Amino acid sequence: MKDAPKARKGYVRSEVLLPALRYQLQPHPDEPTVCVVALQTPDGPVTLTLHKDALAQLGTAMMIEANKMTDTGKT
């Protein structure tokens, strides 16, 4: 990915794709408009903090993409 932007100072870029095995949403303890999103991967948890607007946009985008996918018949 030679065209990818450089990481901002203090941030780490990661190009590893890991499956999300499960997720958990928790309110941020100090900021009521922020949610902590924890994704469990085979390598351990990945946590993100998302503002409520970003969380809503992500949820909508995920529903749109999920509706485009074909059913596997598995639950």
N, C-alpha and C. Protein backbone atom coordinates (compact mmCIF):
# COMPACT_ATOMS: atom_id res chain seq x y z
N MET A 1 0.82 -1.17 0.00
CA MET A 1 0.00 0.00 0.00
C MET A 1 0.87 1.24 0.00
N LYS A 2 1.58 1.47 -1.09
CA LYS A 2 2.50 2.59 -1.16
C LYS A 2 1.79 3.94 -1.15
N ASP A 3 0.50 3.98 -1.52
CA ASP A 3 -0.25 5.23 -1.55
C ASP A 3 -0.95 5.54 -0.23
N ALA A 4 -0.83 4.65 0.74
CA ALA A 4 -1.50 4.85 2.02
C ALA A 4 -0.89 6.04 2.75
N PRO A 5 -1.72 6.83 3.42
CA PRO A 5 -1.17 7.98 4.16
C PRO A 5 -0.32 7.51 5.32
N LYS A 6 0.64 8.35 5.68
CA LYS A 6 1.49 8.03 6.83
C LYS A 6 0.70 8.18 8.12
N ALA A 7 1.08 7.40 9.12
CA ALA A 7 0.42 7.47 10.42
C ALA A 7 0.70 8.82 11.07
N ARG A 8 -0.28 9.31 11.81
CA ARG A 8 -0.09 10.54 12.56
C ARG A 8 0.83 10.28 13.75
N LYS A 9 1.53 11.30 14.18
CA LYS A 9 2.42 11.16 15.33
C LYS A 9 1.64 10.63 16.53
N GLY A 10 2.15 9.61 17.16
CA GLY A 10 1.49 9.02 18.32
C GLY A 10 0.54 7.89 17.97
N TYR A 11 0.33 7.62 16.69
CA TYR A 11 -0.56 6.56 16.24
C TYR A 11 0.25 5.48 15.53
N VAL A 12 -0.25 4.27 15.54
CA VAL A 12 0.42 3.16 14.87
C VAL A 12 -0.48 2.67 13.75
N ARG A 13 0.07 2.55 12.55
CA ARG A 13 -0.69 1.99 11.43
C ARG A 13 -0.60 0.47 11.51
N SER A 14 -1.67 -0.18 11.17
CA SER A 14 -1.70 -1.63 11.14
C SER A 14 -2.43 -2.07 9.88
N GLU A 15 -1.79 -2.91 9.11
CA GLU A 15 -2.39 -3.39 7.87
C GLU A 15 -2.78 -4.86 8.00
N VAL A 16 -2.88 -5.36 9.21
CA VAL A 16 -3.21 -6.76 9.45
C VAL A 16 -4.73 -6.93 9.46
N LEU A 17 -5.21 -7.92 8.73
CA LEU A 17 -6.64 -8.23 8.75
C LEU A 17 -6.87 -9.42 9.67
N LEU A 18 -7.65 -9.22 10.70
CA LEU A 18 -7.98 -10.28 11.64
C LEU A 18 -9.49 -10.41 11.71
N PRO A 19 -10.00 -11.63 11.83
CA PRO A 19 -11.45 -11.77 11.98
C PRO A 19 -11.90 -11.29 13.36
N ALA A 20 -13.04 -10.63 13.38
CA ALA A 20 -13.64 -10.24 14.66
C ALA A 20 -14.50 -11.40 15.12
N LEU A 21 -14.17 -11.98 16.24
CA LEU A 21 -14.87 -13.15 16.75
C LEU A 21 -16.11 -12.76 17.55
N ARG A 22 -16.04 -11.63 18.23
CA ARG A 22 -17.18 -11.10 18.98
C ARG A 22 -16.89 -9.63 19.26
N TYR A 23 -17.91 -8.95 19.71
CA TYR A 23 -17.74 -7.53 20.01
C TYR A 23 -18.47 -7.18 21.29
N GLN A 24 -18.10 -6.05 21.84
CA GLN A 24 -18.75 -5.54 23.04
C GLN A 24 -18.75 -4.02 22.97
N LEU A 25 -19.86 -3.41 23.33
CA LEU A 25 -20.00 -1.95 23.36
C LEU A 25 -20.21 -1.53 24.81
N GLN A 26 -19.42 -0.55 25.23
CA GLN A 26 -19.52 -0.06 26.61
C GLN A 26 -19.51 1.47 26.57
N PRO A 27 -20.29 2.12 27.43
CA PRO A 27 -20.19 3.58 27.51
C PRO A 27 -18.82 3.98 28.05
N HIS A 28 -18.30 5.08 27.56
CA HIS A 28 -17.03 5.59 28.07
C HIS A 28 -17.26 6.11 29.49
N PRO A 29 -16.40 5.77 30.43
CA PRO A 29 -16.66 6.16 31.82
C PRO A 29 -16.60 7.66 32.09
N ASP A 30 -15.88 8.41 31.25
CA ASP A 30 -15.71 9.84 31.50
C ASP A 30 -16.39 10.74 30.47
N GLU A 31 -16.93 10.15 29.40
CA GLU A 31 -17.50 10.97 28.33
C GLU A 31 -18.79 10.32 27.83
N PRO A 32 -19.96 10.89 28.17
CA PRO A 32 -21.23 10.25 27.82
C PRO A 32 -21.54 10.21 26.33
N THR A 33 -20.83 10.98 25.50
CA THR A 33 -21.09 10.96 24.05
C THR A 33 -20.13 10.05 23.30
N VAL A 34 -19.34 9.26 24.05
CA VAL A 34 -18.35 8.36 23.45
C VAL A 34 -18.63 6.93 23.89
N CYS A 35 -18.43 6.00 22.96
CA CYS A 35 -18.63 4.57 23.23
C CYS A 35 -17.30 3.85 23.03
N VAL A 36 -17.01 2.89 23.88
CA VAL A 36 -15.84 2.04 23.72
C VAL A 36 -16.31 0.78 22.99
N VAL A 37 -15.69 0.52 21.84
CA VAL A 37 -16.00 -0.66 21.03
C VAL A 37 -14.83 -1.62 21.17
N ALA A 38 -15.10 -2.80 21.69
CA ALA A 38 -14.06 -3.82 21.84
C ALA A 38 -14.36 -4.96 20.88
N LEU A 39 -13.38 -5.28 20.03
CA LEU A 39 -13.49 -6.39 19.10
C LEU A 39 -12.53 -7.48 19.54
N GLN A 40 -13.03 -8.68 19.76
CA GLN A 40 -12.17 -9.79 20.14
C GLN A 40 -11.65 -10.45 18.87
N THR A 41 -10.32 -10.57 18.74
CA THR A 41 -9.69 -11.21 17.59
C THR A 41 -8.87 -12.40 18.10
N PRO A 42 -8.40 -13.26 17.21
CA PRO A 42 -7.55 -14.37 17.65
C PRO A 42 -6.27 -13.89 18.35
N ASP A 43 -5.82 -12.67 18.05
CA ASP A 43 -4.62 -12.13 18.68
C ASP A 43 -4.91 -11.32 19.94
N GLY A 44 -6.17 -11.24 20.34
CA GLY A 44 -6.54 -10.46 21.51
C GLY A 44 -7.48 -9.34 21.15
N PRO A 45 -7.87 -8.54 22.13
CA PRO A 45 -8.85 -7.49 21.88
C PRO A 45 -8.26 -6.28 21.16
N VAL A 46 -9.10 -5.64 20.37
CA VAL A 46 -8.80 -4.36 19.75
C VAL A 46 -9.89 -3.41 20.25
N THR A 47 -9.50 -2.28 20.80
CA THR A 47 -10.50 -1.35 21.32
C THR A 47 -10.43 -0.03 20.57
N LEU A 48 -11.59 0.55 20.36
CA LEU A 48 -11.73 1.83 19.69
C LEU A 48 -12.65 2.69 20.53
N THR A 49 -12.47 3.98 20.47
CA THR A 49 -13.46 4.88 21.06
C THR A 49 -14.12 5.63 19.91
N LEU A 50 -15.43 5.65 19.90
CA LEU A 50 -16.19 6.30 18.84
C LEU A 50 -17.20 7.26 19.43
N HIS A 51 -17.26 8.46 18.86
CA HIS A 51 -18.29 9.42 19.21
C HIS A 51 -19.62 8.84 18.76
N LYS A 52 -20.72 9.23 19.39
CA LYS A 52 -22.02 8.65 19.09
C LYS A 52 -22.39 8.81 17.62
N ASP A 53 -22.02 9.93 16.98
CA ASP A 53 -22.32 10.11 15.55
C ASP A 53 -21.55 9.11 14.69
N ALA A 54 -20.26 8.92 15.00
CA ALA A 54 -19.44 7.96 14.26
C ALA A 54 -19.94 6.54 14.49
N LEU A 55 -20.37 6.24 15.71
CA LEU A 55 -20.90 4.91 16.01
C LEU A 55 -22.17 4.65 15.20
N ALA A 56 -23.04 5.65 15.11
CA ALA A 56 -24.28 5.51 14.34
C ALA A 56 -23.98 5.33 12.85
N GLN A 57 -23.02 6.10 12.33
CA GLN A 57 -22.64 5.98 10.92
C GLN A 57 -22.05 4.60 10.64
N LEU A 58 -21.21 4.12 11.54
CA LEU A 58 -20.60 2.80 11.37
C LEU A 58 -21.67 1.71 11.40
N GLY A 59 -22.62 1.83 12.33
CA GLY A 59 -23.70 0.84 12.42
C GLY A 59 -24.53 0.81 11.15
N THR A 60 -24.85 1.98 10.61
CA THR A 60 -25.62 2.05 9.37
C THR A 60 -24.83 1.45 8.22
N ALA A 61 -23.55 1.79 8.11
CA ALA A 61 -22.71 1.26 7.04
C ALA A 61 -22.59 -0.26 7.14
N MET A 62 -22.48 -0.78 8.36
CA MET A 62 -22.37 -2.23 8.54
C MET A 62 -23.66 -2.93 8.13
N MET A 63 -24.80 -2.34 8.45
CA MET A 63 -26.08 -2.94 8.04
C MET A 63 -26.22 -2.94 6.52
N ILE A 64 -25.82 -1.86 5.87
CA ILE A 64 -25.90 -1.78 4.41
C ILE A 64 -25.01 -2.87 3.79
N GLU A 65 -23.79 -3.00 4.27
CA GLU A 65 -22.88 -4.00 3.72
C GLU A 65 -23.37 -5.42 4.02
N ALA A 66 -23.90 -5.65 5.22
CA ALA A 66 -24.42 -6.98 5.57
C ALA A 66 -25.58 -7.36 4.66
N ASN A 67 -26.41 -6.40 4.30
CA ASN A 67 -27.54 -6.68 3.41
C ASN A 67 -27.10 -7.01 1.99
N LYS A 68 -25.91 -6.58 1.60
CA LYS A 68 -25.37 -6.89 0.27
C LYS A 68 -24.81 -8.31 0.19
N MET A 69 -24.47 -8.88 1.35
CA MET A 69 -23.82 -10.20 1.40
C MET A 69 -24.85 -11.30 1.17
N THR A 70 -24.37 -12.40 0.62
CA THR A 70 -25.26 -13.55 0.43
C THR A 70 -25.34 -14.34 1.73
N ASP A 71 -26.48 -15.01 1.93
CA ASP A 71 -26.66 -15.85 3.11
C ASP A 71 -25.86 -17.14 2.94
N THR A 72 -25.28 -17.61 4.04
CA THR A 72 -24.55 -18.87 4.00
C THR A 72 -25.39 -20.01 4.53
N GLY A 73 -26.51 -19.69 5.16
CA GLY A 73 -27.34 -20.73 5.76
C GLY A 73 -26.89 -21.08 7.16
N LYS A 74 -25.77 -20.48 7.60
CA LYS A 74 -25.25 -20.72 8.95
C LYS A 74 -25.75 -19.63 9.88
N THR A 75 -25.94 -19.97 11.15
CA THR A 75 -26.36 -18.97 12.13
C THR A 75 -25.33 -18.86 13.21
